[in-house]
Amino acid sequence: SAALGKGWRLGFLGSLHASVFKERLEKEYGSKLIIT
């Protein structure tokens, strides 16, 4: 992204699925994400 730099395009089965994935990434690996 020109605004946010290098990142990923992630595909999920639903919005809860996306929310849980972000939360697991933060809690299990300590990673902080900006999610569009």
PDB file of all heavy atoms in Angstrom:
ATOM      1  N   SER A   1       0.849  -1.192   0.000  1.00  0.00           N
ATOM      2  CA  SER A   1       0.000   0.000   0.000  1.00  0.00           C
ATOM      3  C   SER A   1       0.887   1.245   0.000  1.00  0.00           C
ATOM      4  O   SER A   1       1.895   1.301   0.718  1.00  0.00           O
ATOM      5  CB  SER A   1      -0.905   0.000   1.238  1.00  0.00           C
ATOM      6  OG  SER A   1      -1.457   1.276   1.470  1.00  0.00           O
ATOM      7  N   ALA A   2       0.496   2.225  -0.804  1.00  0.00           N
ATOM      8  CA  ALA A   2       1.255   3.482  -0.827  1.00  0.00           C
ATOM      9  C   ALA A   2       1.194   4.174   0.528  1.00  0.00           C
ATOM     10  O   ALA A   2       2.119   4.885   0.920  1.00  0.00           O
ATOM     11  CB  ALA A   2       0.688   4.390  -1.912  1.00  0.00           C
ATOM     12  N   ALA A   3       0.088   3.954   1.257  1.00  0.00           N
ATOM     13  CA  ALA A   3      -0.087   4.625   2.544  1.00  0.00           C
ATOM     14  C   ALA A   3       0.528   3.845   3.711  1.00  0.00           C
ATOM     15  O   ALA A   3       1.105   4.426   4.624  1.00  0.00           O
ATOM     16  CB  ALA A   3      -1.583   4.842   2.804  1.00  0.00           C
ATOM     17  N   LEU A   4       0.416   2.495   3.682  1.00  0.00           N
ATOM     18  CA  LEU A   4       0.806   1.697   4.843  1.00  0.00           C
ATOM     19  C   LEU A   4       2.005   0.797   4.612  1.00  0.00           C
ATOM     20  O   LEU A   4       2.437   0.086   5.517  1.00  0.00           O
ATOM     21  CB  LEU A   4      -0.392   0.849   5.303  1.00  0.00           C
ATOM     22  CG  LEU A   4      -1.613   1.644   5.767  1.00  0.00           C
ATOM     23  CD1 LEU A   4      -2.776   0.723   6.051  1.00  0.00           C
ATOM     24  CD2 LEU A   4      -1.290   2.468   7.006  1.00  0.00           C
ATOM     25  N   GLY A   5       2.544   0.788   3.389  1.00  0.00           N
ATOM     26  CA  GLY A   5       3.747   0.002   3.118  1.00  0.00           C
ATOM     27  C   GLY A   5       3.451  -1.454   2.796  1.00  0.00           C
ATOM     28  O   GLY A   5       2.375  -1.806   2.317  1.00  0.00           O
ATOM     29  N   LYS A   6       4.420  -2.341   3.101  1.00  0.00           N
ATOM     30  CA  LYS A   6       4.274  -3.755   2.787  1.00  0.00           C
ATOM     31  C   LYS A   6       3.329  -4.437   3.781  1.00  0.00           C
ATOM     32  O   LYS A   6       3.371  -4.180   4.979  1.00  0.00           O
ATOM     33  CB  LYS A   6       5.646  -4.448   2.819  1.00  0.00           C
ATOM     34  CG  LYS A   6       6.577  -4.031   1.697  1.00  0.00           C
ATOM     35  CD  LYS A   6       7.760  -4.974   1.554  1.00  0.00           C
ATOM     36  CE  LYS A   6       8.654  -4.950   2.767  1.00  0.00           C
ATOM     37  NZ  LYS A   6       9.847  -5.824   2.586  1.00  0.00           N
ATOM     38  N   GLY A   7       2.496  -5.329   3.226  1.00  0.00           N
ATOM     39  CA  GLY A   7       1.540  -6.032   4.079  1.00  0.00           C
ATOM     40  C   GLY A   7       1.001  -7.268   3.385  1.00  0.00           C
ATOM     41  O   GLY A   7       1.651  -7.835   2.505  1.00  0.00           O
ATOM     42  N   TRP A   8      -0.209  -7.659   3.763  1.00  0.00           N
ATOM     43  CA  TRP A   8      -0.806  -8.885   3.243  1.00  0.00           C
ATOM     44  C   TRP A   8      -2.283  -8.635   2.935  1.00  0.00           C
ATOM     45  O   TRP A   8      -2.928  -7.790   3.550  1.00  0.00           O
ATOM     46  CB  TRP A   8      -0.711 -10.018   4.263  1.00  0.00           C
ATOM     47  CG  TRP A   8       0.665 -10.250   4.791  1.00  0.00           C
ATOM     48  CD1 TRP A   8       1.598 -11.132   4.334  1.00  0.00           C
ATOM     49  CD2 TRP A   8       1.288  -9.556   5.886  1.00  0.00           C
ATOM     50  NE1 TRP A   8       2.746 -11.050   5.060  1.00  0.00           N
ATOM     51  CE2 TRP A   8       2.589 -10.092   6.025  1.00  0.00           C
ATOM     52  CE3 TRP A   8       0.879  -8.545   6.753  1.00  0.00           C
ATOM     53  CZ2 TRP A   8       3.469  -9.648   7.001  1.00  0.00           C
ATOM     54  CZ3 TRP A   8       1.749  -8.092   7.723  1.00  0.00           C
ATOM     55  CH2 TRP A   8       3.030  -8.642   7.841  1.00  0.00           C
ATOM     56  N   ARG A   9      -2.800  -9.378   1.977  1.00  0.00           N
ATOM     57  CA  ARG A   9      -4.241  -9.420   1.723  1.00  0.00           C
ATOM     58  C   ARG A   9      -4.709 -10.772   2.246  1.00  0.00           C
ATOM     59  O   ARG A   9      -4.337 -11.823   1.744  1.00  0.00           O
ATOM     60  CB  ARG A   9      -4.501  -9.282   0.220  1.00  0.00           C
ATOM     61  CG  ARG A   9      -5.936  -9.441  -0.234  1.00  0.00           C
ATOM     62  CD  ARG A   9      -6.928  -8.432   0.253  1.00  0.00           C
ATOM     63  NE  ARG A   9      -6.514  -7.042   0.255  1.00  0.00           N
ATOM     64  CZ  ARG A   9      -7.323  -6.044   0.546  1.00  0.00           C
ATOM     65  NH1 ARG A   9      -8.585  -6.271   0.845  1.00  0.00           N
ATOM     66  NH2 ARG A   9      -6.877  -4.808   0.569  1.00  0.00           N
ATOM     67  N   LEU A  10      -5.502 -10.747   3.336  1.00  0.00           N
ATOM     68  CA  LEU A  10      -5.962 -11.960   4.001  1.00  0.00           C
ATOM     69  C   LEU A  10      -7.423 -12.218   3.677  1.00  0.00           C
ATOM     70  O   LEU A  10      -8.250 -11.298   3.713  1.00  0.00           O
ATOM     71  CB  LEU A  10      -5.794 -11.830   5.524  1.00  0.00           C
ATOM     72  CG  LEU A  10      -4.365 -11.602   6.042  1.00  0.00           C
ATOM     73  CD1 LEU A  10      -4.392 -11.305   7.530  1.00  0.00           C
ATOM     74  CD2 LEU A  10      -3.503 -12.825   5.771  1.00  0.00           C
ATOM     75  N   GLY A  11      -7.754 -13.463   3.374  1.00  0.00           N
ATOM     76  CA  GLY A  11      -9.130 -13.843   3.087  1.00  0.00           C
ATOM     77  C   GLY A  11      -9.673 -14.764   4.160  1.00  0.00           C
ATOM     78  O   GLY A  11      -8.993 -15.698   4.601  1.00  0.00           O
ATOM     79  N   PHE A  12     -10.911 -14.512   4.620  1.00  0.00           N
ATOM     80  CA  PHE A  12     -11.533 -15.282   5.698  1.00  0.00           C
ATOM     81  C   PHE A  12     -12.921 -15.750   5.285  1.00  0.00           C
ATOM     82  O   PHE A  12     -13.489 -15.282   4.299  1.00  0.00           O
ATOM     83  CB  PHE A  12     -11.642 -14.428   6.974  1.00  0.00           C
ATOM     84  CG  PHE A  12     -10.323 -13.914   7.479  1.00  0.00           C
ATOM     85  CD1 PHE A  12      -9.872 -12.642   7.136  1.00  0.00           C
ATOM     86  CD2 PHE A  12      -9.527 -14.703   8.296  1.00  0.00           C
ATOM     87  CE1 PHE A  12      -8.651 -12.169   7.594  1.00  0.00           C
ATOM     88  CE2 PHE A  12      -8.300 -14.227   8.767  1.00  0.00           C
ATOM     89  CZ  PHE A  12      -7.866 -12.963   8.412  1.00  0.00           C
ATOM     90  N   LEU A  13     -13.483 -16.659   6.090  1.00  0.00           N
ATOM     91  CA  LEU A  13     -14.825 -17.171   5.812  1.00  0.00           C
ATOM     92  C   LEU A  13     -15.908 -16.240   6.344  1.00  0.00           C
ATOM     93  O   LEU A  13     -17.077 -16.384   5.994  1.00  0.00           O
ATOM     94  CB  LEU A  13     -14.992 -18.568   6.429  1.00  0.00           C
ATOM     95  CG  LEU A  13     -14.037 -19.648   5.895  1.00  0.00           C
ATOM     96  CD1 LEU A  13     -14.311 -20.977   6.583  1.00  0.00           C
ATOM     97  CD2 LEU A  13     -14.177 -19.790   4.391  1.00  0.00           C
ATOM     98  N   GLY A  14     -15.542 -15.291   7.208  1.00  0.00           N
ATOM     99  CA  GLY A  14     -16.510 -14.354   7.754  1.00  0.00           C
ATOM    100  C   GLY A  14     -15.816 -13.317   8.609  1.00  0.00           C
ATOM    101  O   GLY A  14     -14.610 -13.408   8.875  1.00  0.00           O
ATOM    102  N   SER A  15     -16.575 -12.323   9.068  1.00  0.00           N
ATOM    103  CA  SER A  15     -15.979 -11.234   9.836  1.00  0.00           C
ATOM    104  C   SER A  15     -15.531 -11.687  11.228  1.00  0.00           C
ATOM    105  O   SER A  15     -14.521 -11.199  11.753  1.00  0.00           O
ATOM    106  CB  SER A  15     -16.972 -10.066   9.953  1.00  0.00           C
ATOM    107  OG  SER A  15     -18.231 -10.514  10.419  1.00  0.00           O
ATOM    108  N   LEU A  16     -16.249 -12.627  11.856  1.00  0.00           N
ATOM    109  CA  LEU A  16     -15.806 -13.164  13.153  1.00  0.00           C
ATOM    110  C   LEU A  16     -14.500 -13.926  12.977  1.00  0.00           C
ATOM    111  O   LEU A  16     -13.592 -13.825  13.807  1.00  0.00           O
ATOM    112  CB  LEU A  16     -16.878 -14.076  13.749  1.00  0.00           C
ATOM    113  CG  LEU A  16     -16.492 -14.772  15.061  1.00  0.00           C
ATOM    114  CD1 LEU A  16     -16.236 -13.758  16.161  1.00  0.00           C
ATOM    115  CD2 LEU A  16     -17.549 -15.775  15.491  1.00  0.00           C
ATOM    116  N   HIS A  17     -14.392 -14.662  11.896  1.00  0.00           N
ATOM    117  CA  HIS A  17     -13.168 -15.393  11.571  1.00  0.00           C
ATOM    118  C   HIS A  17     -11.991 -14.424  11.490  1.00  0.00           C
ATOM    119  O   HIS A  17     -10.911 -14.683  12.043  1.00  0.00           O
ATOM    120  CB  HIS A  17     -13.374 -16.122  10.232  1.00  0.00           C
ATOM    121  CG  HIS A  17     -12.280 -17.080   9.893  1.00  0.00           C
ATOM    122  ND1 HIS A  17     -12.084 -17.561   8.622  1.00  0.00           N
ATOM    123  CD2 HIS A  17     -11.300 -17.639  10.640  1.00  0.00           C
ATOM    124  CE1 HIS A  17     -11.055 -18.382   8.604  1.00  0.00           C
ATOM    125  NE2 HIS A  17     -10.555 -18.437   9.824  1.00  0.00           N
ATOM    126  N   ALA A  18     -12.187 -13.285  10.823  1.00  0.00           N
ATOM    127  CA  ALA A  18     -11.123 -12.275  10.691  1.00  0.00           C
ATOM    128  C   ALA A  18     -10.759 -11.689  12.055  1.00  0.00           C
ATOM    129  O   ALA A  18      -9.581 -11.512  12.375  1.00  0.00           O
ATOM    130  CB  ALA A  18     -11.574 -11.169   9.737  1.00  0.00           C
ATOM    131  N   SER A  19     -11.766 -11.397  12.859  1.00  0.00           N
ATOM    132  CA  SER A  19     -11.537 -10.806  14.174  1.00  0.00           C
ATOM    133  C   SER A  19     -10.754 -11.761  15.080  1.00  0.00           C
ATOM    134  O   SER A  19      -9.821 -11.352  15.787  1.00  0.00           O
ATOM    135  CB  SER A  19     -12.882 -10.450  14.818  1.00  0.00           C
ATOM    136  OG  SER A  19     -12.724 -10.035  16.146  1.00  0.00           O
ATOM    137  N   VAL A  20     -11.122 -13.043  15.042  1.00  0.00           N
ATOM    138  CA  VAL A  20     -10.442 -14.042  15.873  1.00  0.00           C
ATOM    139  C   VAL A  20      -8.999 -14.229  15.425  1.00  0.00           C
ATOM    140  O   VAL A  20      -8.085 -14.355  16.247  1.00  0.00           O
ATOM    141  CB  VAL A  20     -11.214 -15.378  15.822  1.00  0.00           C
ATOM    142  CG1 VAL A  20     -10.375 -16.520  16.368  1.00  0.00           C
ATOM    143  CG2 VAL A  20     -12.511 -15.265  16.611  1.00  0.00           C
ATOM    144  N   PHE A  21      -8.756 -14.241  14.113  1.00  0.00           N
ATOM    145  CA  PHE A  21      -7.402 -14.398  13.588  1.00  0.00           C
ATOM    146  C   PHE A  21      -6.510 -13.254  14.072  1.00  0.00           C
ATOM    147  O   PHE A  21      -5.386 -13.483  14.519  1.00  0.00           O
ATOM    148  CB  PHE A  21      -7.442 -14.420  12.058  1.00  0.00           C
ATOM    149  CG  PHE A  21      -6.117 -14.725  11.413  1.00  0.00           C
ATOM    150  CD1 PHE A  21      -5.749 -16.036  11.156  1.00  0.00           C
ATOM    151  CD2 PHE A  21      -5.239 -13.705  11.070  1.00  0.00           C
ATOM    152  CE1 PHE A  21      -4.516 -16.327  10.562  1.00  0.00           C
ATOM    153  CE2 PHE A  21      -4.013 -13.983  10.481  1.00  0.00           C
ATOM    154  CZ  PHE A  21      -3.654 -15.296  10.220  1.00  0.00           C
ATOM    155  N   LYS A  22      -7.000 -12.026  14.002  1.00  0.00           N
ATOM    156  CA  LYS A  22      -6.228 -10.865  14.453  1.00  0.00           C
ATOM    157  C   LYS A  22      -5.928 -10.968  15.948  1.00  0.00           C
ATOM    158  O   LYS A  22      -4.806 -10.706  16.396  1.00  0.00           O
ATOM    159  CB  LYS A  22      -7.006  -9.579  14.165  1.00  0.00           C
ATOM    160  CG  LYS A  22      -6.320  -8.296  14.642  1.00  0.00           C
ATOM    161  CD  LYS A  22      -7.149  -7.082  14.272  1.00  0.00           C
ATOM    162  CE  LYS A  22      -6.454  -5.783  14.687  1.00  0.00           C
ATOM    163  NZ  LYS A  22      -6.455  -5.596  16.148  1.00  0.00           N
ATOM    164  N   GLU A  23      -6.934 -11.391  16.712  1.00  0.00           N
ATOM    165  CA  GLU A  23      -6.753 -11.493  18.165  1.00  0.00           C
ATOM    166  C   GLU A  23      -5.746 -12.588  18.522  1.00  0.00           C
ATOM    167  O   GLU A  23      -4.919 -12.424  19.422  1.00  0.00           O
ATOM    168  CB  GLU A  23      -8.106 -11.781  18.826  1.00  0.00           C
ATOM    169  CG  GLU A  23      -8.113 -11.527  20.313  1.00  0.00           C
ATOM    170  CD  GLU A  23      -9.507 -11.573  20.903  1.00  0.00           C
ATOM    171  OE1 GLU A  23     -10.472 -11.273  20.169  1.00  0.00           O
ATOM    172  OE2 GLU A  23      -9.630 -11.909  22.094  1.00  0.00           O
ATOM    173  N   ARG A  24      -5.811 -13.711  17.792  1.00  0.00           N
ATOM    174  CA  ARG A  24      -4.844 -14.792  18.048  1.00  0.00           C
ATOM    175  C   ARG A  24      -3.426 -14.340  17.707  1.00  0.00           C
ATOM    176  O   ARG A  24      -2.472 -14.669  18.427  1.00  0.00           O
ATOM    177  CB  ARG A  24      -5.204 -16.023  17.214  1.00  0.00           C
ATOM    178  CG  ARG A  24      -6.406 -16.798  17.700  1.00  0.00           C
ATOM    179  CD  ARG A  24      -6.536 -18.111  16.929  1.00  0.00           C
ATOM    180  NE  ARG A  24      -5.418 -19.006  17.218  1.00  0.00           N
ATOM    181  CZ  ARG A  24      -5.197 -20.140  16.557  1.00  0.00           C
ATOM    182  NH1 ARG A  24      -6.004 -20.500  15.570  1.00  0.00           N
ATOM    183  NH2 ARG A  24      -4.171 -20.903  16.878  1.00  0.00           N
ATOM    184  N   LEU A  25      -3.272 -13.591  16.629  1.00  0.00           N
ATOM    185  CA  LEU A  25      -1.952 -13.121  16.225  1.00  0.00           C
ATOM    186  C   LEU A  25      -1.356 -12.213  17.292  1.00  0.00           C
ATOM    187  O   LEU A  25      -0.160 -12.270  17.590  1.00  0.00           O
ATOM    188  CB  LEU A  25      -2.050 -12.390  14.885  1.00  0.00           C
ATOM    189  CG  LEU A  25      -0.732 -12.121  14.151  1.00  0.00           C
ATOM    190  CD1 LEU A  25      -0.071 -13.434  13.741  1.00  0.00           C
ATOM    191  CD2 LEU A  25      -0.981 -11.263  12.915  1.00  0.00           C
ATOM    192  N   GLU A  26      -2.201 -11.380  17.876  1.00  0.00           N
ATOM    193  CA  GLU A  26      -1.729 -10.451  18.904  1.00  0.00           C
ATOM    194  C   GLU A  26      -1.416 -11.168  20.216  1.00  0.00           C
ATOM    195  O   GLU A  26      -0.402 -10.896  20.856  1.00  0.00           O
ATOM    196  CB  GLU A  26      -2.780  -9.367  19.131  1.00  0.00           C
ATOM    197  CG  GLU A  26      -2.933  -8.422  17.946  1.00  0.00           C
ATOM    198  CD  GLU A  26      -4.041  -7.404  18.125  1.00  0.00           C
ATOM    199  OE1 GLU A  26      -4.844  -7.558  19.072  1.00  0.00           O
ATOM    200  OE2 GLU A  26      -4.113  -6.469  17.317  1.00  0.00           O
ATOM    201  N   LYS A  27      -2.280 -12.120  20.622  1.00  0.00           N
ATOM    202  CA  LYS A  27      -2.115 -12.774  21.920  1.00  0.00           C
ATOM    203  C   LYS A  27      -1.055 -13.870  21.889  1.00  0.00           C
ATOM    204  O   LYS A  27      -0.300 -14.041  22.836  1.00  0.00           O
ATOM    205  CB  LYS A  27      -3.463 -13.354  22.384  1.00  0.00           C
ATOM    206  CG  LYS A  27      -4.484 -12.295  22.770  1.00  0.00           C
ATOM    207  CD  LYS A  27      -5.750 -12.921  23.293  1.00  0.00           C
ATOM    208  CE  LYS A  27      -6.772 -11.862  23.691  1.00  0.00           C
ATOM    209  NZ  LYS A  27      -6.309 -11.032  24.789  1.00  0.00           N
ATOM    210  N   GLU A  28      -1.005 -14.641  20.793  1.00  0.00           N
ATOM    211  CA  GLU A  28      -0.098 -15.785  20.740  1.00  0.00           C
ATOM    212  C   GLU A  28       1.297 -15.406  20.250  1.00  0.00           C
ATOM    213  O   GLU A  28       2.270 -16.082  20.556  1.00  0.00           O
ATOM    214  CB  GLU A  28      -0.686 -16.879  19.846  1.00  0.00           C
ATOM    215  CG  GLU A  28      -1.985 -17.471  20.399  1.00  0.00           C
ATOM    216  CD  GLU A  28      -2.621 -18.482  19.459  1.00  0.00           C
ATOM    217  OE1 GLU A  28      -1.880 -19.126  18.693  1.00  0.00           O
ATOM    218  OE2 GLU A  28      -3.861 -18.625  19.493  1.00  0.00           O
ATOM    219  N   TYR A  29       1.400 -14.327  19.451  1.00  0.00           N
ATOM    220  CA  TYR A  29       2.702 -13.962  18.892  1.00  0.00           C
ATOM    221  C   TYR A  29       3.135 -12.539  19.234  1.00  0.00           C
ATOM    222  O   TYR A  29       4.233 -12.124  18.894  1.00  0.00           O
ATOM    223  CB  TYR A  29       2.672 -14.128  17.364  1.00  0.00           C
ATOM    224  CG  TYR A  29       2.498 -15.561  16.927  1.00  0.00           C
ATOM    225  CD1 TYR A  29       1.248 -16.069  16.636  1.00  0.00           C
ATOM    226  CD2 TYR A  29       3.595 -16.415  16.821  1.00  0.00           C
ATOM    227  CE1 TYR A  29       1.081 -17.396  16.235  1.00  0.00           C
ATOM    228  CE2 TYR A  29       3.449 -17.733  16.421  1.00  0.00           C
ATOM    229  CZ  TYR A  29       2.186 -18.217  16.139  1.00  0.00           C
ATOM    230  OH  TYR A  29       2.027 -19.523  15.742  1.00  0.00           O
ATOM    231  N   GLY A  30       2.240 -11.753  19.862  1.00  0.00           N
ATOM    232  CA  GLY A  30       2.592 -10.388  20.237  1.00  0.00           C
ATOM    233  C   GLY A  30       2.700  -9.438  19.064  1.00  0.00           C
ATOM    234  O   GLY A  30       3.338  -8.381  19.169  1.00  0.00           O
ATOM    235  N   SER A  31       2.110  -9.795  17.921  1.00  0.00           N
ATOM    236  CA  SER A  31       2.186  -8.949  16.721  1.00  0.00           C
ATOM    237  C   SER A  31       1.046  -7.937  16.711  1.00  0.00           C
ATOM    238  O   SER A  31      -0.092  -8.266  17.033  1.00  0.00           O
ATOM    239  CB  SER A  31       2.109  -9.810  15.458  1.00  0.00           C
ATOM    240  OG  SER A  31       3.168 -10.738  15.424  1.00  0.00           O
ATOM    241  N   LYS A  32       1.360  -6.700  16.333  1.00  0.00           N
ATOM    242  CA  LYS A  32       0.360  -5.639  16.260  1.00  0.00           C
ATOM    243  C   LYS A  32       0.078  -5.310  14.798  1.00  0.00           C
ATOM    244  O   LYS A  32       1.001  -5.006  14.037  1.00  0.00           O
ATOM    245  CB  LYS A  32       0.846  -4.388  16.993  1.00  0.00           C
ATOM    246  CG  LYS A  32       1.048  -4.593  18.495  1.00  0.00           C
ATOM    247  CD  LYS A  32      -0.265  -4.912  19.199  1.00  0.00           C
ATOM    248  CE  LYS A  32      -0.071  -5.086  20.693  1.00  0.00           C
ATOM    249  NZ  LYS A  32      -1.334  -5.437  21.383  1.00  0.00           N
ATOM    250  N   LEU A  33      -1.205  -5.369  14.423  1.00  0.00           N
ATOM    251  CA  LEU A  33      -1.597  -5.182  13.029  1.00  0.00           C
ATOM    252  C   LEU A  33      -2.500  -3.970  12.853  1.00  0.00           C
ATOM    253  O   LEU A  33      -3.251  -3.595  13.758  1.00  0.00           O
ATOM    254  CB  LEU A  33      -2.384  -6.405  12.530  1.00  0.00           C
ATOM    255  CG  LEU A  33      -1.618  -7.657  12.094  1.00  0.00           C
ATOM    256  CD1 LEU A  33      -2.618  -8.720  11.680  1.00  0.00           C
ATOM    257  CD2 LEU A  33      -0.691  -7.354  10.943  1.00  0.00           C
ATOM    258  N   ILE A  34      -2.410  -3.372  11.676  1.00  0.00           N
ATOM    259  CA  ILE A  34      -3.435  -2.431  11.217  1.00  0.00           C
ATOM    260  C   ILE A  34      -4.280  -3.196  10.205  1.00  0.00           C
ATOM    261  O   ILE A  34      -3.772  -3.711   9.210  1.00  0.00           O
ATOM    262  CB  ILE A  34      -2.819  -1.197  10.544  1.00  0.00           C
ATOM    263  CG1 ILE A  34      -1.971  -0.411  11.539  1.00  0.00           C
ATOM    264  CG2 ILE A  34      -3.900  -0.310   9.952  1.00  0.00           C
ATOM    265  CD1 ILE A  34      -1.235   0.758  10.914  1.00  0.00           C
ATOM    266  N   ILE A  35      -5.568  -3.320  10.481  1.00  0.00           N
ATOM    267  CA  ILE A  35      -6.484  -4.073   9.617  1.00  0.00           C
ATOM    268  C   ILE A  35      -7.389  -3.089   8.890  1.00  0.00           C
ATOM    269  O   ILE A  35      -8.034  -2.246   9.510  1.00  0.00           O
ATOM    270  CB  ILE A  35      -7.348  -5.052  10.439  1.00  0.00           C
ATOM    271  CG1 ILE A  35      -6.471  -6.099  11.115  1.00  0.00           C
ATOM    272  CG2 ILE A  35      -8.395  -5.719   9.563  1.00  0.00           C
ATOM    273  CD1 ILE A  35      -5.851  -7.099  10.186  1.00  0.00           C
ATOM    274  N   THR A  36      -7.424  -3.177   7.552  1.00  0.00           N
ATOM    275  CA  THR A  36      -8.303  -2.295   6.785  1.00  0.00           C
ATOM    276  C   THR A  36      -9.747  -2.781   6.901  1.00  0.00           C
ATOM    277  O   THR A  36     -10.018  -3.879   7.380  1.00  0.00           O
ATOM    278  CB  THR A  36      -7.893  -2.252   5.308  1.00  0.00           C
ATOM    279  OG1 THR A  36      -8.041  -3.563   4.742  1.00  0.00           O
ATOM    280  CG2 THR A  36      -6.463  -1.797   5.145  1.00  0.00           C
TER     281      THR A  36
END
